[in-house]
Amino acid sequence: MNHDPNNHTTDQELLDRYYADGNNDWLGILLPRYTLLLFGVCMKYLKQEEEAKDCVQQIFVKIIMELPKYRVTFFKSWIYTIARNHCLMKLRDRHGRQVELSETMLADWDDEPGKGRHLEKDQLLELMGQALEELNKEQKQCVILFYLDKRSYQEIADITGFTLMQVKSHIQNGKRNLKLLIERKTTKS
C-alpha cells in the first residue's frame, strides 16, 4: 500500500496550501475525506441513493468552483451548508415552487446574539416554514418574493401592485413577525 504523508495533513493545512499555490491536488486529498459526510447529507434530504451519489459529485464540482472565491476557514461547516443548499434546490426543483427559506433569512435570524444558537438549522428552517404560513397574505407574499425569489423592491411592487413603501413595510413587518412567531414556538418546546 502506498503510504501518503499528506493523509496526516490537517484540513486547514491543505486549504492553506491550496490558497497559496492554487493547486487542485490539495483538494484531491481534502475532498475525499468528506465523501461520506456529503453522501449522508444528500441521503437525509433526497432519500434516494443514486441521486445522492450524483449530488455528491455535483457538490464536489461546486466546491472546486466556489473555493477560489472565498477564504474559507471552517471547511466542514462551509461544505455542509453548500451540500444542504444544493439538496434543497434539488427538492425545490423536484416539487415545484414549494416554499423553502433562504440562507439569507436564516443568517439574519441566526446572527443575532443568543437567537437560535441552540437550534439546529434544520429545525429553524422547519419553524420558519410554519411561521411563514402564519403571516398575513401581504407580508407572506413580499417576504417570499424578496428572500426566496430574490426580487428587488421595485420588482415586488410591479408584481403585487403595492407601492415601494408598502413593499418595504410588508418585508420589515413580515421579518419581525417571523422572529416573534419563532420565539413563541421555541419557548413552547
Protein backbone atom coordinates (compact mmCIF):
# COMPACT_ATOMS: atom_id res chain seq x y z
CA MET A 1 0.00 0.00 0.00
CA ASN A 2 1.32 3.40 -0.96
CA HIS A 3 1.84 5.50 2.17
CA ASP A 4 0.86 9.11 1.51
CA PRO A 5 2.34 11.59 4.02
CA ASN A 6 -0.43 14.06 3.15
CA ASN A 7 -3.03 11.79 4.77
CA HIS A 8 -1.95 13.18 8.14
CA THR A 9 -2.17 16.79 7.00
CA THR A 10 -5.00 18.77 8.60
CA ASP A 11 -7.84 20.22 6.56
CA GLN A 12 -6.59 23.71 7.34
CA GLU A 13 -3.06 22.92 6.18
CA LEU A 14 -4.41 21.54 2.91
CA LEU A 15 -6.60 24.60 2.45
CA ASP A 16 -3.66 26.91 3.19
CA ARG A 17 -1.55 25.09 0.60
CA TYR A 18 -4.38 25.30 -1.93
CA TYR A 19 -4.78 29.05 -1.35
CA ALA A 20 -1.00 29.52 -1.55
CA ASP A 21 -0.44 27.81 -4.92
CA GLY A 22 -3.91 27.15 -6.39
CA ASN A 23 -3.00 23.50 -6.98
CA ASN A 24 -6.13 21.31 -7.13
CA ASP A 25 -4.06 18.31 -5.96
CA TRP A 26 -4.54 19.61 -2.40
CA LEU A 27 -8.31 19.43 -2.91
CA GLY A 28 -7.80 15.91 -4.27
CA ILE A 29 -6.56 14.97 -0.79
CA LEU A 30 -9.06 17.09 1.14
CA LEU A 31 -12.38 16.37 -0.61
CA PRO A 32 -12.39 12.55 -0.35
CA ARG A 33 -12.33 12.98 3.44
CA TYR A 34 -15.84 14.37 3.16
CA THR A 35 -17.40 11.94 0.69
CA LEU A 36 -19.30 10.08 3.42
CA LEU A 37 -20.44 13.25 5.17
CA LEU A 38 -21.76 14.69 1.90
CA PHE A 39 -23.41 11.39 0.98
CA GLY A 40 -25.09 11.35 4.40
CA VAL A 41 -26.39 14.90 3.96
CA CYS A 42 -27.69 14.09 0.47
CA MET A 43 -29.40 10.90 1.66
CA LYS A 44 -31.01 12.78 4.54
CA TYR A 45 -32.67 15.22 2.15
CA LEU A 46 -33.11 13.26 -1.07
CA LYS A 47 -33.74 9.75 0.31
CA GLN A 48 -32.57 8.16 -2.96
CA GLU A 49 -29.14 6.54 -3.12
CA GLU A 50 -28.37 7.08 -6.82
CA GLU A 51 -29.48 10.69 -6.73
CA ALA A 52 -27.47 11.24 -3.54
CA LYS A 53 -24.32 9.79 -5.19
CA ASP A 54 -24.81 12.07 -8.20
CA CYS A 55 -25.29 15.04 -5.91
CA VAL A 56 -22.02 14.36 -4.08
CA GLN A 57 -20.19 14.65 -7.41
CA GLN A 58 -22.08 17.84 -8.28
CA ILE A 59 -21.27 19.30 -4.86
CA PHE A 60 -17.56 18.48 -5.30
CA VAL A 61 -17.61 20.38 -8.61
CA LYS A 62 -19.40 23.29 -6.96
CA ILE A 63 -16.85 23.35 -4.12
CA ILE A 64 -13.96 23.41 -6.61
CA MET A 65 -15.64 26.29 -8.47
CA GLU A 66 -16.55 28.29 -5.33
CA LEU A 67 -13.46 27.77 -3.17
CA PRO A 68 -11.21 30.21 -5.07
CA LYS A 69 -13.80 32.98 -4.50
CA TYR A 70 -13.73 32.78 -0.70
CA ARG A 71 -11.21 32.46 2.09
CA VAL A 72 -12.86 29.52 3.85
CA THR A 73 -11.79 28.93 7.44
CA PHE A 74 -14.37 26.41 8.70
CA PHE A 75 -14.29 23.98 5.78
CA LYS A 76 -16.55 21.29 7.24
CA SER A 77 -19.41 23.66 8.07
CA TRP A 78 -18.93 25.51 4.75
CA ILE A 79 -19.27 22.35 2.65
CA TYR A 80 -22.17 21.15 4.82
CA THR A 81 -24.00 24.40 4.01
CA ILE A 82 -23.22 24.04 0.29
CA ALA A 83 -24.46 20.44 0.34
CA ARG A 84 -27.65 21.27 2.21
CA ASN A 85 -28.45 24.19 -0.09
CA HIS A 86 -27.77 22.03 -3.14
CA CYS A 87 -30.18 19.37 -1.85
CA LEU A 88 -32.85 21.95 -1.00
CA MET A 89 -32.60 23.31 -4.54
CA LYS A 90 -32.97 19.76 -5.89
CA LEU A 91 -36.08 19.23 -3.75
CA ARG A 92 -37.43 22.58 -4.82
CA ASP A 93 -36.95 21.64 -8.48
CA ARG A 94 -38.49 18.24 -7.83
CA HIS A 95 -41.56 19.59 -6.06
CA GLY A 96 -42.10 22.78 -8.00
CA ARG A 97 -42.34 26.08 -6.17
CA GLN A 98 -42.58 24.66 -2.66
CA VAL A 99 -41.68 27.30 -0.09
CA GLU A 100 -38.25 26.96 1.44
CA LEU A 101 -36.46 29.60 3.41
CA SER A 102 -33.24 31.01 2.16
CA GLU A 103 -29.89 31.20 3.91
CA THR A 104 -30.26 34.97 3.97
CA MET A 105 -33.28 34.75 6.22
CA LEU A 106 -31.57 32.15 8.37
CA ALA A 107 -28.42 34.25 8.61
CA ASP A 108 -30.41 37.35 9.60
CA TRP A 109 -32.11 35.38 12.35
CA ASP A 110 -29.19 33.25 13.45
CA ASP A 111 -26.60 36.03 13.60
CA GLU A 112 -28.41 37.94 16.32
CA PRO A 113 -26.67 37.32 19.65
CA GLY A 114 -28.28 34.45 21.50
CA LYS A 115 -31.04 33.92 18.93
CA GLY A 116 -31.43 30.46 17.50
CA ARG A 117 -27.98 29.34 18.63
CA HIS A 118 -29.44 26.38 20.47
CA LEU A 119 -31.49 25.32 17.46
CA GLU A 120 -30.32 23.11 14.65
CA LYS A 121 -30.57 24.96 11.36
CA ASP A 122 -32.89 22.26 10.03
CA GLN A 123 -35.22 22.75 12.99
CA LEU A 124 -35.06 26.51 12.47
CA LEU A 125 -35.94 26.05 8.78
CA GLU A 126 -38.96 23.98 9.77
CA LEU A 127 -40.10 26.57 12.32
CA MET A 128 -39.65 29.35 9.76
CA GLY A 129 -41.76 27.42 7.28
CA GLN A 130 -44.54 27.11 9.86
CA ALA A 131 -44.23 30.74 10.92
CA LEU A 132 -44.30 31.94 7.30
CA GLU A 133 -47.71 30.32 6.89
CA GLU A 134 -48.98 32.40 9.82
CA LEU A 135 -48.05 35.79 8.32
CA ASN A 136 -50.77 37.87 6.71
CA LYS A 137 -51.13 37.48 2.94
CA GLU A 138 -49.30 40.71 2.01
CA GLN A 139 -46.32 40.10 4.33
CA LYS A 140 -46.02 36.47 3.25
CA GLN A 141 -46.12 37.39 -0.44
CA CYS A 142 -43.48 40.14 -0.08
CA VAL A 143 -41.18 38.04 2.13
CA ILE A 144 -41.29 35.11 -0.32
CA LEU A 145 -40.65 37.34 -3.33
CA PHE A 146 -37.78 39.15 -1.60
CA TYR A 147 -35.96 36.32 0.20
CA LEU A 148 -36.80 33.26 -1.87
CA ASP A 149 -37.21 34.65 -5.37
CA LYS A 150 -34.50 37.32 -4.83
CA ARG A 151 -36.72 40.06 -6.28
CA SER A 152 -35.94 43.76 -5.79
CA TYR A 153 -38.36 46.14 -4.05
CA GLN A 154 -39.27 47.57 -7.47
CA GLU A 155 -39.94 44.13 -8.97
CA ILE A 156 -42.13 43.23 -5.98
CA ALA A 157 -44.06 46.48 -6.38
CA ASP A 158 -44.58 45.72 -10.08
CA ILE A 159 -45.76 42.15 -9.33
CA THR A 160 -48.05 42.97 -6.40
CA GLY A 161 -49.27 46.48 -7.20
CA PHE A 162 -48.04 47.71 -3.80
CA THR A 163 -46.09 50.98 -3.54
CA LEU A 164 -42.38 50.77 -2.77
CA MET A 165 -43.10 51.98 0.79
CA GLN A 166 -45.74 49.26 1.24
CA VAL A 167 -43.34 46.62 -0.07
CA LYS A 168 -40.60 47.75 2.33
CA SER A 169 -43.07 47.86 5.21
CA HIS A 170 -44.50 44.39 4.45
CA ILE A 171 -40.98 42.90 4.29
CA GLN A 172 -39.83 44.57 7.54
CA ASN A 173 -43.03 43.70 9.41
CA GLY A 174 -43.04 40.18 7.97
CA LYS A 175 -39.47 39.58 9.07
CA ARG A 176 -40.19 40.97 12.56
CA ASN A 177 -43.34 38.85 12.86
CA LEU A 178 -41.44 35.74 11.72
CA LYS A 179 -38.97 36.28 14.56
CA LEU A 180 -41.76 36.76 17.10
CA LEU A 181 -43.60 33.66 15.89
CA ILE A 182 -40.42 31.58 16.02
CA GLU A 183 -39.60 32.84 19.53
CA ARG A 184 -43.09 31.83 20.62
CA LYS A 185 -42.70 28.37 19.05
CA THR A 186 -39.26 27.79 20.60
CA THR A 187 -40.34 28.79 24.11
CA LYS A 188 -43.22 26.28 23.92
CA SER A 189 -40.93 23.34 23.20
